Amino acid sequence: EKYAYLRQVSDGKDKLGHTLGELGNIFHESFELREVIEPVLAVIVEQVNESASYLVRKEQFQQILFRHNTSLRVRDSFQTGDTMLIAEGGASAKVFLKYEDSIPESLNSKNFCESSFGERNPEMAGVAAPVFGEGNKFIGVVSVTGPAYRFTKQTANRISKILGKDVKDLCLVLGASPDLFSKF
C-alpha cells in the first residue's frame, strides 16, 4: 500500500494500485529503447568487464530498466527491475540529481561521468553517465558497477572515457543534438 502497488477498497478486499499501471506504461515505452540500449550495454561490458545498467527515475527512486552483467563471478547483485532510493547515493544518483531539472547547453567530457566509491555499499563502486534524448531531454542514466577492489581512481577514469564515448553515441542515436556535445 505504501508504494501504491495495492489498495484496499471499502469492502476490505485488496485491488491493484496505480503504480502497476505506471510500471506497465514504462514497460511498453521501453520496447523501442531496449533495441537501442541493450546492445550498447553489451558493448560497454565487453570493453570494461564490469556490469552495466540503464536506469530511469521513478519519483524518489531509480529503477534498473535494462541490465547486462559481466561474466566475472564476483559482481554486484543488481537485476532488471531493482529500485534504489536516490537519497542513498552512488554514481547514478549523482547523475539523476545533477540533471533532474535542467537541460544543459553543452557537455564537457571531463565532467560528463560521475563516480562513486563505496557510497551506497562500502564494497561496491561505480561510474555513471547521463542519457539525453530528443530535445536534449534527460531520460536516464547508464551505470557501470562492480566490486570496489577493482575500481581504482585510474580504473574509474578509464571506464569514464569508454562510458562517455559510448553514451554520447547513444544520446545521438536517441535524438540528442550534436551541439550538446560540441565541447566533448
N, C-alpha and C. Protein backbone atom coordinates (compact mmCIF):
# COMPACT_ATOMS: atom_id res chain seq x y z
N GLU A 1 0.82 -1.20 0.00
CA GLU A 1 0.00 0.00 0.00
C GLU A 1 0.87 1.26 0.00
N LYS A 2 1.97 1.22 0.75
CA LYS A 2 2.83 2.40 0.87
C LYS A 2 3.28 2.90 -0.50
N TYR A 3 3.58 2.00 -1.43
CA TYR A 3 4.06 2.40 -2.75
C TYR A 3 2.99 2.27 -3.83
N ALA A 4 1.75 2.09 -3.43
CA ALA A 4 0.58 2.06 -4.32
C ALA A 4 0.59 0.87 -5.29
N TYR A 5 1.18 -0.24 -4.87
CA TYR A 5 1.06 -1.46 -5.66
C TYR A 5 -0.29 -2.12 -5.39
N LEU A 6 -0.77 -1.93 -4.19
CA LEU A 6 -2.08 -2.44 -3.79
C LEU A 6 -2.86 -1.32 -3.11
N ARG A 7 -4.18 -1.45 -3.14
CA ARG A 7 -5.03 -0.52 -2.39
C ARG A 7 -6.19 -1.33 -1.83
N GLN A 8 -6.65 -0.91 -0.68
CA GLN A 8 -7.76 -1.61 -0.05
C GLN A 8 -9.04 -0.85 -0.36
N VAL A 9 -10.06 -1.55 -0.85
CA VAL A 9 -11.34 -0.92 -1.16
C VAL A 9 -12.28 -1.05 0.03
N SER A 10 -13.44 -0.41 -0.05
CA SER A 10 -14.35 -0.30 1.08
C SER A 10 -14.81 -1.65 1.65
N ASP A 11 -14.87 -2.69 0.81
CA ASP A 11 -15.31 -3.98 1.34
C ASP A 11 -14.17 -4.76 2.00
N GLY A 12 -12.98 -4.14 2.11
CA GLY A 12 -11.84 -4.76 2.77
C GLY A 12 -10.95 -5.58 1.86
N LYS A 13 -11.33 -5.72 0.60
CA LYS A 13 -10.53 -6.50 -0.34
C LYS A 13 -9.41 -5.63 -0.91
N ASP A 14 -8.35 -6.30 -1.34
CA ASP A 14 -7.24 -5.60 -1.97
C ASP A 14 -7.43 -5.57 -3.48
N LYS A 15 -7.09 -4.44 -4.09
CA LYS A 15 -7.11 -4.27 -5.54
C LYS A 15 -5.73 -3.79 -5.97
N LEU A 16 -5.42 -3.96 -7.24
CA LEU A 16 -4.15 -3.48 -7.75
C LEU A 16 -4.13 -1.95 -7.71
N GLY A 17 -2.96 -1.39 -7.37
CA GLY A 17 -2.79 0.05 -7.27
C GLY A 17 -2.29 0.65 -8.57
N HIS A 18 -2.26 1.98 -8.61
CA HIS A 18 -1.89 2.70 -9.84
C HIS A 18 -0.41 2.54 -10.21
N THR A 19 0.45 2.21 -9.26
CA THR A 19 1.87 2.04 -9.57
C THR A 19 2.08 0.95 -10.60
N LEU A 20 1.30 -0.11 -10.53
CA LEU A 20 1.45 -1.19 -11.51
C LEU A 20 1.11 -0.71 -12.92
N GLY A 21 0.11 0.15 -13.03
CA GLY A 21 -0.22 0.72 -14.33
C GLY A 21 0.91 1.59 -14.87
N GLU A 22 1.51 2.37 -13.97
CA GLU A 22 2.64 3.20 -14.38
C GLU A 22 3.82 2.35 -14.83
N LEU A 23 4.08 1.27 -14.10
CA LEU A 23 5.17 0.37 -14.50
C LEU A 23 4.85 -0.28 -15.85
N GLY A 24 3.59 -0.59 -16.08
CA GLY A 24 3.18 -1.14 -17.37
C GLY A 24 3.45 -0.16 -18.50
N ASN A 25 3.18 1.11 -18.26
CA ASN A 25 3.46 2.14 -19.27
C ASN A 25 4.95 2.23 -19.55
N ILE A 26 5.76 2.22 -18.50
CA ILE A 26 7.21 2.25 -18.68
C ILE A 26 7.66 1.04 -19.47
N PHE A 27 7.09 -0.12 -19.15
CA PHE A 27 7.44 -1.35 -19.85
C PHE A 27 7.14 -1.24 -21.35
N HIS A 28 5.96 -0.75 -21.69
CA HIS A 28 5.59 -0.62 -23.10
C HIS A 28 6.47 0.39 -23.83
N GLU A 29 6.77 1.51 -23.18
CA GLU A 29 7.63 2.52 -23.80
C GLU A 29 9.05 2.00 -23.97
N SER A 30 9.44 1.05 -23.13
CA SER A 30 10.82 0.57 -23.14
C SER A 30 11.14 -0.34 -24.31
N PHE A 31 10.14 -0.86 -25.02
CA PHE A 31 10.43 -1.76 -26.11
C PHE A 31 11.33 -1.13 -27.16
N GLU A 32 11.06 0.10 -27.55
CA GLU A 32 11.92 0.76 -28.53
C GLU A 32 13.28 1.04 -27.94
N LEU A 33 13.32 1.48 -26.70
CA LEU A 33 14.60 1.75 -26.05
C LEU A 33 15.44 0.48 -25.94
N ARG A 34 14.80 -0.62 -25.65
CA ARG A 34 15.52 -1.89 -25.47
C ARG A 34 16.38 -2.20 -26.70
N GLU A 35 15.83 -2.03 -27.88
CA GLU A 35 16.54 -2.35 -29.11
C GLU A 35 17.80 -1.50 -29.29
N VAL A 36 17.79 -0.30 -28.72
CA VAL A 36 18.92 0.61 -28.86
C VAL A 36 19.88 0.48 -27.68
N ILE A 37 19.35 0.39 -26.49
CA ILE A 37 20.19 0.45 -25.29
C ILE A 37 20.87 -0.87 -24.96
N GLU A 38 20.18 -1.99 -25.08
CA GLU A 38 20.80 -3.26 -24.69
C GLU A 38 22.09 -3.57 -25.46
N PRO A 39 22.15 -3.32 -26.77
CA PRO A 39 23.42 -3.56 -27.46
C PRO A 39 24.55 -2.65 -26.96
N VAL A 40 24.20 -1.42 -26.59
CA VAL A 40 25.21 -0.50 -26.04
C VAL A 40 25.73 -1.03 -24.71
N LEU A 41 24.83 -1.50 -23.86
CA LEU A 41 25.26 -2.07 -22.57
C LEU A 41 26.20 -3.26 -22.80
N ALA A 42 25.88 -4.09 -23.76
CA ALA A 42 26.72 -5.26 -24.06
C ALA A 42 28.11 -4.83 -24.51
N VAL A 43 28.19 -3.80 -25.34
CA VAL A 43 29.49 -3.30 -25.81
C VAL A 43 30.29 -2.73 -24.65
N ILE A 44 29.63 -1.99 -23.77
CA ILE A 44 30.32 -1.42 -22.61
C ILE A 44 30.88 -2.53 -21.74
N VAL A 45 30.07 -3.55 -21.45
CA VAL A 45 30.53 -4.66 -20.61
C VAL A 45 31.71 -5.37 -21.27
N GLU A 46 31.65 -5.55 -22.56
CA GLU A 46 32.76 -6.19 -23.28
C GLU A 46 34.06 -5.39 -23.13
N GLN A 47 33.93 -4.05 -23.13
CA GLN A 47 35.12 -3.20 -23.05
C GLN A 47 35.69 -3.06 -21.64
N VAL A 48 34.81 -3.01 -20.63
CA VAL A 48 35.29 -2.73 -19.26
C VAL A 48 35.25 -3.94 -18.34
N ASN A 49 34.56 -5.01 -18.75
CA ASN A 49 34.43 -6.25 -17.99
C ASN A 49 33.82 -6.03 -16.60
N GLU A 50 32.88 -5.11 -16.53
CA GLU A 50 32.05 -4.89 -15.33
C GLU A 50 30.61 -4.81 -15.81
N SER A 51 29.65 -4.94 -14.92
CA SER A 51 28.23 -4.92 -15.28
C SER A 51 27.76 -3.51 -15.61
N ALA A 52 26.80 -3.41 -16.53
CA ALA A 52 26.26 -2.11 -16.94
C ALA A 52 24.74 -2.14 -16.88
N SER A 53 24.16 -1.00 -16.47
CA SER A 53 22.71 -0.87 -16.34
C SER A 53 22.23 0.43 -16.97
N TYR A 54 20.98 0.42 -17.39
CA TYR A 54 20.29 1.65 -17.79
C TYR A 54 19.19 1.86 -16.76
N LEU A 55 19.22 3.04 -16.12
CA LEU A 55 18.27 3.35 -15.05
C LEU A 55 17.40 4.54 -15.42
N VAL A 56 16.17 4.53 -14.93
CA VAL A 56 15.26 5.66 -15.09
C VAL A 56 14.81 6.10 -13.70
N ARG A 57 14.35 7.34 -13.64
CA ARG A 57 13.88 7.87 -12.36
C ARG A 57 12.40 7.61 -12.20
N LYS A 58 12.02 7.20 -11.00
CA LYS A 58 10.61 6.98 -10.63
C LYS A 58 10.44 7.62 -9.27
N GLU A 59 10.00 8.88 -9.27
CA GLU A 59 9.85 9.67 -8.05
C GLU A 59 11.18 9.73 -7.31
N GLN A 60 11.24 9.26 -6.06
CA GLN A 60 12.48 9.32 -5.29
C GLN A 60 13.37 8.09 -5.49
N PHE A 61 13.00 7.27 -6.46
CA PHE A 61 13.75 6.05 -6.73
C PHE A 61 14.41 6.10 -8.09
N GLN A 62 15.42 5.26 -8.25
CA GLN A 62 15.99 4.96 -9.55
C GLN A 62 15.74 3.47 -9.79
N GLN A 63 15.33 3.15 -11.01
CA GLN A 63 14.98 1.77 -11.31
C GLN A 63 15.79 1.28 -12.50
N ILE A 64 16.30 0.05 -12.39
CA ILE A 64 17.05 -0.56 -13.49
C ILE A 64 16.06 -1.07 -14.52
N LEU A 65 16.10 -0.47 -15.70
CA LEU A 65 15.21 -0.86 -16.78
C LEU A 65 15.86 -1.95 -17.65
N PHE A 66 17.17 -1.82 -17.87
CA PHE A 66 17.91 -2.81 -18.66
C PHE A 66 19.23 -3.10 -17.95
N ARG A 67 19.73 -4.31 -18.12
CA ARG A 67 20.93 -4.72 -17.39
C ARG A 67 21.71 -5.72 -18.23
N HIS A 68 23.04 -5.59 -18.20
CA HIS A 68 23.92 -6.58 -18.83
C HIS A 68 25.03 -6.87 -17.83
N ASN A 69 25.11 -8.11 -17.39
CA ASN A 69 26.08 -8.50 -16.37
C ASN A 69 27.41 -8.92 -16.98
N THR A 70 28.47 -8.65 -16.24
CA THR A 70 29.78 -9.16 -16.60
C THR A 70 29.78 -10.67 -16.40
N SER A 71 30.70 -11.35 -17.07
CA SER A 71 30.81 -12.80 -16.88
C SER A 71 31.65 -13.15 -15.65
N LEU A 72 32.27 -12.15 -15.02
CA LEU A 72 33.05 -12.40 -13.82
C LEU A 72 32.15 -12.90 -12.70
N ARG A 73 32.64 -13.82 -11.91
CA ARG A 73 31.82 -14.40 -10.83
C ARG A 73 31.56 -13.40 -9.71
N VAL A 74 32.55 -12.58 -9.39
CA VAL A 74 32.37 -11.59 -8.34
C VAL A 74 31.87 -10.31 -9.00
N ARG A 75 30.62 -9.96 -8.68
CA ARG A 75 29.98 -8.77 -9.26
C ARG A 75 28.85 -8.34 -8.32
N ASP A 76 28.28 -7.18 -8.62
CA ASP A 76 27.14 -6.76 -7.80
C ASP A 76 25.93 -7.63 -8.13
N SER A 77 24.93 -7.55 -7.30
CA SER A 77 23.77 -8.44 -7.47
C SER A 77 22.55 -7.74 -8.05
N PHE A 78 22.71 -6.55 -8.61
CA PHE A 78 21.57 -5.84 -9.19
C PHE A 78 20.99 -6.61 -10.37
N GLN A 79 19.67 -6.46 -10.53
CA GLN A 79 18.97 -7.10 -11.64
C GLN A 79 17.97 -6.13 -12.25
N THR A 80 17.53 -6.42 -13.45
CA THR A 80 16.49 -5.62 -14.10
C THR A 80 15.28 -5.53 -13.17
N GLY A 81 14.76 -4.33 -13.01
CA GLY A 81 13.60 -4.10 -12.16
C GLY A 81 13.94 -3.64 -10.76
N ASP A 82 15.18 -3.83 -10.32
CA ASP A 82 15.56 -3.38 -8.97
C ASP A 82 15.42 -1.87 -8.85
N THR A 83 15.02 -1.43 -7.67
CA THR A 83 14.92 0.01 -7.38
C THR A 83 15.78 0.34 -6.17
N MET A 84 16.31 1.56 -6.18
CA MET A 84 17.11 2.07 -5.07
C MET A 84 16.71 3.51 -4.83
N LEU A 85 16.72 3.92 -3.59
CA LEU A 85 16.45 5.31 -3.29
C LEU A 85 17.59 6.18 -3.82
N ILE A 86 17.24 7.27 -4.45
CA ILE A 86 18.26 8.20 -4.94
C ILE A 86 19.04 8.78 -3.76
N ALA A 87 18.35 9.00 -2.66
CA ALA A 87 18.99 9.58 -1.47
C ALA A 87 20.10 8.70 -0.90
N GLU A 88 20.13 7.42 -1.28
CA GLU A 88 21.19 6.53 -0.79
C GLU A 88 22.53 6.81 -1.42
N GLY A 89 22.56 7.61 -2.49
CA GLY A 89 23.81 7.98 -3.13
C GLY A 89 24.24 7.01 -4.20
N GLY A 90 25.47 7.14 -4.61
CA GLY A 90 26.03 6.33 -5.68
C GLY A 90 26.19 7.17 -6.94
N ALA A 91 26.94 6.64 -7.89
CA ALA A 91 27.23 7.37 -9.12
C ALA A 91 25.96 7.72 -9.90
N SER A 92 25.05 6.76 -10.06
CA SER A 92 23.83 7.03 -10.83
C SER A 92 22.96 8.07 -10.11
N ALA A 93 22.89 8.01 -8.79
CA ALA A 93 22.12 9.00 -8.04
C ALA A 93 22.69 10.40 -8.25
N LYS A 94 24.01 10.52 -8.27
CA LYS A 94 24.65 11.82 -8.52
C LYS A 94 24.21 12.38 -9.87
N VAL A 95 24.14 11.50 -10.88
CA VAL A 95 23.74 11.95 -12.23
C VAL A 95 22.27 12.37 -12.22
N PHE A 96 21.41 11.60 -11.59
CA PHE A 96 19.99 11.99 -11.52
C PHE A 96 19.83 13.35 -10.86
N LEU A 97 20.52 13.58 -9.78
CA LEU A 97 20.41 14.86 -9.07
C LEU A 97 21.01 16.01 -9.88
N LYS A 98 22.07 15.74 -10.61
CA LYS A 98 22.75 16.78 -11.39
C LYS A 98 21.89 17.29 -12.55
N TYR A 99 21.13 16.39 -13.18
CA TYR A 99 20.40 16.77 -14.40
C TYR A 99 18.88 16.75 -14.26
N GLU A 100 18.36 16.55 -13.05
CA GLU A 100 16.92 16.37 -12.89
C GLU A 100 16.08 17.57 -13.35
N ASP A 101 16.56 18.78 -13.19
CA ASP A 101 15.74 19.95 -13.51
C ASP A 101 16.34 20.85 -14.58
N SER A 102 17.31 20.36 -15.33
CA SER A 102 17.94 21.25 -16.29
C SER A 102 18.29 20.54 -17.58
N ILE A 103 18.30 21.30 -18.64
CA ILE A 103 18.80 20.82 -19.93
C ILE A 103 20.09 21.60 -20.18
N PRO A 104 21.22 20.92 -20.17
CA PRO A 104 22.48 21.64 -20.35
C PRO A 104 22.61 22.20 -21.76
N GLU A 105 23.33 23.32 -21.87
CA GLU A 105 23.58 23.90 -23.20
C GLU A 105 24.62 23.08 -23.94
N SER A 106 25.64 22.64 -23.22
CA SER A 106 26.65 21.77 -23.81
C SER A 106 27.29 20.96 -22.69
N LEU A 107 27.89 19.86 -23.08
CA LEU A 107 28.50 18.95 -22.12
C LEU A 107 29.99 18.88 -22.38
N ASN A 108 30.73 18.59 -21.33
CA ASN A 108 32.17 18.50 -21.39
C ASN A 108 32.58 17.08 -21.02
N SER A 109 33.46 16.49 -21.77
CA SER A 109 33.86 15.10 -21.49
C SER A 109 34.54 14.95 -20.13
N LYS A 110 35.13 16.03 -19.62
CA LYS A 110 35.83 15.95 -18.34
C LYS A 110 34.89 15.77 -17.14
N ASN A 111 33.67 16.30 -17.22
CA ASN A 111 32.74 16.16 -16.09
C ASN A 111 31.42 15.50 -16.50
N PHE A 112 31.45 14.75 -17.57
CA PHE A 112 30.25 14.07 -18.07
C PHE A 112 29.85 12.92 -17.15
N CYS A 113 30.83 12.15 -16.69
CA CYS A 113 30.57 10.99 -15.83
C CYS A 113 30.76 11.34 -14.36
N GLU A 114 30.04 10.62 -13.53
CA GLU A 114 30.17 10.73 -12.07
C GLU A 114 30.67 9.39 -11.54
N SER A 115 31.46 9.44 -10.49
CA SER A 115 31.99 8.22 -9.87
C SER A 115 31.53 8.11 -8.43
N SER A 116 31.54 6.88 -7.94
CA SER A 116 31.19 6.61 -6.55
C SER A 116 32.06 5.46 -6.07
N PHE A 117 32.65 5.64 -4.90
CA PHE A 117 33.48 4.61 -4.31
C PHE A 117 32.93 4.27 -2.93
N GLY A 118 32.04 3.29 -2.87
CA GLY A 118 31.53 2.82 -1.60
C GLY A 118 30.49 3.68 -0.93
N GLU A 119 29.84 4.58 -1.63
CA GLU A 119 28.83 5.44 -1.00
C GLU A 119 27.60 4.65 -0.56
N ARG A 120 27.02 3.91 -1.46
CA ARG A 120 25.81 3.16 -1.14
C ARG A 120 26.15 1.85 -0.42
N ASN A 121 27.23 1.25 -0.86
CA ASN A 121 27.68 -0.01 -0.28
C ASN A 121 29.20 0.06 -0.24
N PRO A 122 29.83 -0.08 0.93
CA PRO A 122 31.28 0.08 1.02
C PRO A 122 32.08 -0.91 0.17
N GLU A 123 31.45 -1.97 -0.28
CA GLU A 123 32.15 -2.97 -1.08
C GLU A 123 31.99 -2.76 -2.59
N MET A 124 31.21 -1.74 -2.99
CA MET A 124 30.93 -1.55 -4.41
C MET A 124 31.35 -0.15 -4.88
N ALA A 125 31.56 -0.02 -6.17
CA ALA A 125 31.91 1.26 -6.78
C ALA A 125 31.20 1.35 -8.13
N GLY A 126 31.18 2.55 -8.68
CA GLY A 126 30.52 2.72 -9.98
C GLY A 126 30.88 4.00 -10.68
N VAL A 127 30.59 4.03 -11.96
CA VAL A 127 30.74 5.21 -12.81
C VAL A 127 29.44 5.30 -13.60
N ALA A 128 28.89 6.52 -13.73
CA ALA A 128 27.61 6.69 -14.42
C ALA A 128 27.63 7.92 -15.31
N ALA A 129 26.82 7.86 -16.37
CA ALA A 129 26.72 8.97 -17.33
C ALA A 129 25.25 9.22 -17.66
N PRO A 130 24.91 10.50 -17.91
CA PRO A 130 23.53 10.83 -18.26
C PRO A 130 23.20 10.44 -19.70
N VAL A 131 21.94 10.13 -19.93
CA VAL A 131 21.46 9.84 -21.28
C VAL A 131 20.43 10.91 -21.65
N PHE A 132 20.65 11.53 -22.80
CA PHE A 132 19.74 12.57 -23.30
C PHE A 132 19.11 12.09 -24.59
N GLY A 133 17.84 12.45 -24.79
CA GLY A 133 17.12 12.06 -25.99
C GLY A 133 16.71 13.28 -26.79
N GLU A 134 15.58 13.15 -27.50
CA GLU A 134 15.07 14.25 -28.33
C GLU A 134 14.91 15.52 -27.52
N GLY A 135 15.26 16.65 -28.14
CA GLY A 135 15.17 17.93 -27.45
C GLY A 135 16.16 18.06 -26.31
N ASN A 136 17.18 17.21 -26.32
CA ASN A 136 18.21 17.18 -25.27
C ASN A 136 17.61 16.93 -23.89
N LYS A 137 16.48 16.24 -23.87
CA LYS A 137 15.81 15.92 -22.61
C LYS A 137 16.56 14.79 -21.90
N PHE A 138 16.82 14.97 -20.62
CA PHE A 138 17.47 13.96 -19.79
C PHE A 138 16.48 12.82 -19.57
N ILE A 139 16.85 11.61 -20.00
CA ILE A 139 15.90 10.49 -19.93
C ILE A 139 16.35 9.33 -19.06
N GLY A 140 17.62 9.27 -18.68
CA GLY A 140 18.08 8.16 -17.87
C GLY A 140 19.57 8.21 -17.63
N VAL A 141 20.08 7.11 -17.10
CA VAL A 141 21.49 7.01 -16.72
C VAL A 141 22.01 5.63 -17.13
N VAL A 142 23.22 5.60 -17.66
CA VAL A 142 23.93 4.35 -17.86
C VAL A 142 25.00 4.29 -16.78
N SER A 143 25.02 3.16 -16.08
CA SER A 143 25.92 2.99 -14.95
C SER A 143 26.73 1.71 -15.10
N VAL A 144 28.01 1.79 -14.76
CA VAL A 144 28.89 0.62 -14.70
C VAL A 144 29.23 0.41 -13.24
N THR A 145 29.00 -0.79 -12.74
CA THR A 145 29.22 -1.06 -11.32
C THR A 145 30.00 -2.36 -11.13
N GLY A 146 30.69 -2.41 -10.00
CA GLY A 146 31.44 -3.62 -9.66
C GLY A 146 32.04 -3.52 -8.28
N PRO A 147 32.77 -4.54 -7.88
CA PRO A 147 33.40 -4.55 -6.56
C PRO A 147 34.43 -3.42 -6.43
N ALA A 148 34.45 -2.79 -5.27
CA ALA A 148 35.33 -1.64 -5.04
C ALA A 148 36.80 -1.99 -5.23
N TYR A 149 37.21 -3.21 -4.93
CA TYR A 149 38.63 -3.55 -5.05
C TYR A 149 39.11 -3.52 -6.51
N ARG A 150 38.18 -3.57 -7.48
CA ARG A 150 38.57 -3.48 -8.89
C ARG A 150 38.47 -2.06 -9.43
N PHE A 151 37.96 -1.12 -8.62
CA PHE A 151 37.75 0.25 -9.07
C PHE A 151 38.74 1.21 -8.40
N THR A 152 39.91 1.32 -8.96
CA THR A 152 40.83 2.36 -8.51
C THR A 152 40.43 3.66 -9.20
N LYS A 153 41.01 4.76 -8.81
CA LYS A 153 40.74 6.04 -9.50
C LYS A 153 41.15 5.92 -10.97
N GLN A 154 42.26 5.26 -11.22
CA GLN A 154 42.74 5.07 -12.59
C GLN A 154 41.74 4.23 -13.39
N THR A 155 41.23 3.17 -12.80
CA THR A 155 40.23 2.33 -13.47
C THR A 155 38.96 3.13 -13.74
N ALA A 156 38.52 3.91 -12.77
CA ALA A 156 37.31 4.74 -12.95
C ALA A 156 37.52 5.75 -14.08
N ASN A 157 38.70 6.32 -14.19
CA ASN A 157 38.98 7.26 -15.29
C ASN A 157 38.93 6.55 -16.64
N ARG A 158 39.48 5.34 -16.71
CA ARG A 158 39.45 4.57 -17.96
C ARG A 158 38.00 4.23 -18.33
N ILE A 159 37.22 3.79 -17.34
CA ILE A 159 35.81 3.47 -17.58
C ILE A 159 35.04 4.72 -17.99
N SER A 160 35.33 5.85 -17.38
CA SER A 160 34.66 7.12 -17.72
C SER A 160 34.87 7.48 -19.18
N LYS A 161 36.08 7.28 -19.68
CA LYS A 161 36.37 7.61 -21.09
C LYS A 161 35.56 6.70 -22.02
N ILE A 162 35.53 5.42 -21.72
CA ILE A 162 34.78 4.47 -22.55
C ILE A 162 33.29 4.75 -22.44
N LEU A 163 32.80 4.90 -21.22
CA LEU A 163 31.38 5.17 -20.99
C LEU A 163 30.95 6.48 -21.64
N GLY A 164 31.78 7.51 -21.49
CA GLY A 164 31.46 8.81 -22.09
C GLY A 164 31.29 8.72 -23.59
N LYS A 165 32.20 8.05 -24.26
CA LYS A 165 32.11 7.92 -25.72
C LYS A 165 30.88 7.12 -26.13
N ASP A 166 30.67 5.97 -25.48
CA ASP A 166 29.54 5.11 -25.86
C ASP A 166 28.19 5.76 -25.54
N VAL A 167 28.09 6.44 -24.41
CA VAL A 167 26.83 7.09 -24.04
C VAL A 167 26.58 8.32 -24.92
N LYS A 168 27.63 9.05 -25.27
CA LYS A 168 27.48 10.17 -26.22
C LYS A 168 26.88 9.65 -27.53
N ASP A 169 27.43 8.58 -28.06
CA ASP A 169 26.91 7.99 -29.30
C ASP A 169 25.46 7.54 -29.12
N LEU A 170 25.15 6.95 -27.96
CA LEU A 170 23.78 6.53 -27.66
C LEU A 170 22.84 7.73 -27.68
N CYS A 171 23.25 8.82 -27.05
CA CYS A 171 22.42 10.03 -27.00
C CYS A 171 22.10 10.53 -28.41
N LEU A 172 23.09 10.52 -29.28
CA LEU A 172 22.89 10.98 -30.65
C LEU A 172 21.88 10.08 -31.38
N VAL A 173 21.97 8.78 -31.16
CA VAL A 173 21.01 7.84 -31.75
C VAL A 173 19.60 8.11 -31.22
N LEU A 174 19.51 8.48 -29.94
CA LEU A 174 18.20 8.74 -29.31
C LEU A 174 17.65 10.13 -29.62
N GLY A 175 18.36 10.90 -30.43
CA GLY A 175 17.83 12.18 -30.89
C GLY A 175 18.40 13.41 -30.22
N ALA A 176 19.40 13.28 -29.38
CA ALA A 176 20.03 14.47 -28.77
C ALA A 176 20.77 15.24 -29.87
N SER A 177 20.87 16.53 -29.69
CA SER A 177 21.53 17.39 -30.67
C SER A 177 23.05 17.22 -30.60
N PRO A 178 23.69 17.14 -31.76
CA PRO A 178 25.17 17.11 -31.75
C PRO A 178 25.76 18.34 -31.07
N ASP A 179 25.05 19.48 -31.12
CA ASP A 179 25.53 20.69 -30.46
C ASP A 179 25.73 20.50 -28.96
N LEU A 180 24.95 19.60 -28.37
CA LEU A 180 25.08 19.31 -26.94
C LEU A 180 26.48 18.80 -26.62
N PHE A 181 27.11 18.17 -27.59
CA PHE A 181 28.43 17.56 -27.39
C PHE A 181 29.53 18.33 -28.11
N SER A 182 29.30 19.60 -28.43
CA SER A 182 30.28 20.38 -29.18
C SER A 182 31.59 20.58 -28.43
N LYS A 183 31.59 20.52 -27.10
CA LYS A 183 32.81 20.68 -26.29
C LYS A 183 33.33 19.35 -25.79
N PHE A 184 32.88 18.27 -26.38
CA PHE A 184 33.22 16.94 -25.90
C PHE A 184 34.57 16.52 -26.37
